[in-house]
């Protein structure tokens, strides 16, 4: 079995870019058709975990983005959390 197919959990500190790279590797392996059924299932499960991890990282980044609040005199008055509603 390949490293990509070994069952494991996604490290909480895995960067978005690292998770995306691993996910791309899984997609490539699945698309190649070279993985057997059991390995494909394992890869799919890992891909789903990585997708959720990427979504969580994006959400966290989104919450960190701030927008500048400009007053009536067109001067910056501070920042507030961005609303992506």
C-alpha atoms as a PDB file:
ATOM      1  CA  UNK A   1       0.000   0.000   0.000  1.00  0.00           C
ATOM      2  CA  UNK A   2       1.231   3.517  -0.718  1.00  0.00           C
ATOM      3  CA  UNK A   3       1.710   6.225   1.886  1.00  0.00           C
ATOM      4  CA  UNK A   4      -1.354   8.056   0.533  1.00  0.00           C
ATOM      5  CA  UNK A   5      -3.468   4.993   1.198  1.00  0.00           C
ATOM      6  CA  UNK A   6      -2.437   4.426   4.816  1.00  0.00           C
ATOM      7  CA  UNK A   7      -5.292   5.358   7.128  1.00  0.00           C
ATOM      8  CA  UNK A   8      -4.438   8.375   9.238  1.00  0.00           C
ATOM      9  CA  UNK A   9      -5.944  11.516  10.579  1.00  0.00           C
ATOM     10  CA  UNK A  10      -5.205  14.964   9.241  1.00  0.00           C
ATOM     11  CA  UNK A  11      -2.793  16.859  11.531  1.00  0.00           C
ATOM     12  CA  UNK A  12      -4.503  19.947  12.932  1.00  0.00           C
ATOM     13  CA  UNK A  13      -1.481  22.070  12.056  1.00  0.00           C
ATOM     14  CA  UNK A  14      -1.399  20.977   8.403  1.00  0.00           C
ATOM     15  CA  UNK A  15      -1.372  24.126   6.274  1.00  0.00           C
ATOM     16  CA  UNK A  16      -3.990  24.809   3.624  1.00  0.00           C
ATOM     17  CA  UNK A  17      -1.321  24.480   0.945  1.00  0.00           C
ATOM     18  CA  UNK A  18      -0.074  21.190   2.381  1.00  0.00           C
ATOM     19  CA  UNK A  19      -3.584  19.774   2.564  1.00  0.00           C
ATOM     20  CA  UNK A  20      -4.349  20.927  -0.955  1.00  0.00           C
ATOM     21  CA  UNK A  21      -1.167  19.302  -2.251  1.00  0.00           C
ATOM     22  CA  UNK A  22      -2.075  16.013  -0.568  1.00  0.00           C
ATOM     23  CA  UNK A  23      -5.621  16.261  -1.936  1.00  0.00           C
ATOM     24  CA  UNK A  24      -4.314  16.842  -5.458  1.00  0.00           C
ATOM     25  CA  UNK A  25      -2.126  13.749  -5.095  1.00  0.00           C
ATOM     26  CA  UNK A  26      -5.137  11.685  -4.040  1.00  0.00           C
ATOM     27  CA  UNK A  27      -7.224  12.949  -6.963  1.00  0.00           C
ATOM     28  CA  UNK A  28      -4.394  12.158  -9.348  1.00  0.00           C
ATOM     29  CA  UNK A  29      -4.035   8.641  -7.948  1.00  0.00           C
ATOM     30  CA  UNK A  30      -7.781   7.998  -8.186  1.00  0.00           C
ATOM     31  CA  UNK A  31      -7.997   9.404 -11.710  1.00  0.00           C
ATOM     32  CA  UNK A  32      -5.115   7.201 -12.857  1.00  0.00           C
ATOM     33  CA  UNK A  33      -7.235   4.117 -12.220  1.00  0.00           C
ATOM     34  CA  UNK A  34      -4.234   2.288 -10.771  1.00  0.00           C
ATOM     35  CA  UNK A  35      -5.577   2.000  -7.230  1.00  0.00           C
ATOM     36  CA  UNK A  36      -7.485  -1.120  -6.268  1.00  0.00           C
ATOM     37  CA  UNK A  37     -10.952  -0.975  -4.760  1.00  0.00           C
ATOM     38  CA  UNK A  38      -9.909  -0.929  -1.103  1.00  0.00           C
ATOM     39  CA  UNK A  39      -7.167   1.614  -1.719  1.00  0.00           C
ATOM     40  CA  UNK A  40      -9.607   3.771  -3.698  1.00  0.00           C
ATOM     41  CA  UNK A  41     -12.064   3.747  -0.807  1.00  0.00           C
ATOM     42  CA  UNK A  42      -9.319   4.706   1.646  1.00  0.00           C
ATOM     43  CA  UNK A  43      -8.088   7.448  -0.675  1.00  0.00           C
ATOM     44  CA  UNK A  44     -11.618   8.772  -1.091  1.00  0.00           C
ATOM     45  CA  UNK A  45     -12.088   8.902   2.694  1.00  0.00           C
ATOM     46  CA  UNK A  46      -8.787  10.744   3.105  1.00  0.00           C
ATOM     47  CA  UNK A  47      -9.775  13.123   0.323  1.00  0.00           C
ATOM     48  CA  UNK A  48     -13.022  13.927   2.117  1.00  0.00           C
ATOM     49  CA  UNK A  49     -11.087  14.639   5.331  1.00  0.00           C
ATOM     50  CA  UNK A  50      -8.629  16.854   3.475  1.00  0.00           C
ATOM     51  CA  UNK A  51     -11.469  18.733   1.767  1.00  0.00           C
ATOM     52  CA  UNK A  52     -13.065  19.425   5.161  1.00  0.00           C
ATOM     53  CA  UNK A  53      -9.677  20.519   6.522  1.00  0.00           C
ATOM     54  CA  UNK A  54      -9.202  22.941   3.602  1.00  0.00           C
ATOM     55  CA  UNK A  55     -12.684  24.358   4.091  1.00  0.00           C
ATOM     56  CA  UNK A  56     -12.004  24.891   7.807  1.00  0.00           C
ATOM     57  CA  UNK A  57      -8.692  26.626   7.026  1.00  0.00           C
ATOM     58  CA  UNK A  58     -10.402  28.911   4.506  1.00  0.00           C
ATOM     59  CA  UNK A  59     -13.135  29.762   7.006  1.00  0.00           C
ATOM     60  CA  UNK A  60     -10.532  30.591   9.657  1.00  0.00           C
ATOM     61  CA  UNK A  61      -8.680  32.822   7.189  1.00  0.00           C
ATOM     62  CA  UNK A  62     -11.926  34.502   6.203  1.00  0.00           C
ATOM     63  CA  UNK A  63     -12.663  35.352   9.829  1.00  0.00           C
ATOM     64  CA  UNK A  64      -9.207  36.891  10.219  1.00  0.00           C
ATOM     65  CA  UNK A  65      -9.667  39.267   7.311  1.00  0.00           C
ATOM     66  CA  UNK A  66     -10.537  42.734   8.452  1.00  0.00           C
ATOM     67  CA  UNK A  67     -11.833  45.712   6.582  1.00  0.00           C
ATOM     68  CA  UNK A  68     -10.828  49.279   7.221  1.00  0.00           C
ATOM     69  CA  UNK A  69     -13.576  51.534   8.507  1.00  0.00           C
ATOM     70  CA  UNK A  70     -13.438  54.961   6.877  1.00  0.00           C
ATOM     71  CA  UNK A  71     -15.097  57.907   8.588  1.00  0.00           C
ATOM     72  CA  UNK A  72     -17.017  60.774   6.989  1.00  0.00           C
ATOM     73  CA  UNK A  73     -13.745  62.693   6.653  1.00  0.00           C
ATOM     74  CA  UNK A  74     -12.392  59.790   4.539  1.00  0.00           C
ATOM     75  CA  UNK A  75      -9.826  58.976   7.232  1.00  0.00           C
ATOM     76  CA  UNK A  76      -9.343  55.473   8.577  1.00  0.00           C
ATOM     77  CA  UNK A  77     -11.041  55.123  11.954  1.00  0.00           C
ATOM     78  CA  UNK A  78     -10.131  51.539  12.703  1.00  0.00           C
ATOM     79  CA  UNK A  79     -10.910  48.048  11.546  1.00  0.00           C
ATOM     80  CA  UNK A  80     -13.768  45.633  11.946  1.00  0.00           C
ATOM     81  CA  UNK A  81     -14.301  42.033  10.931  1.00  0.00           C
ATOM     82  CA  UNK A  82     -15.190  41.677   7.280  1.00  0.00           C
ATOM     83  CA  UNK A  83     -18.717  40.505   6.478  1.00  0.00           C
ATOM     84  CA  UNK A  84     -18.698  37.932   3.702  1.00  0.00           C
ATOM     85  CA  UNK A  85     -22.353  37.121   4.386  1.00  0.00           C
END
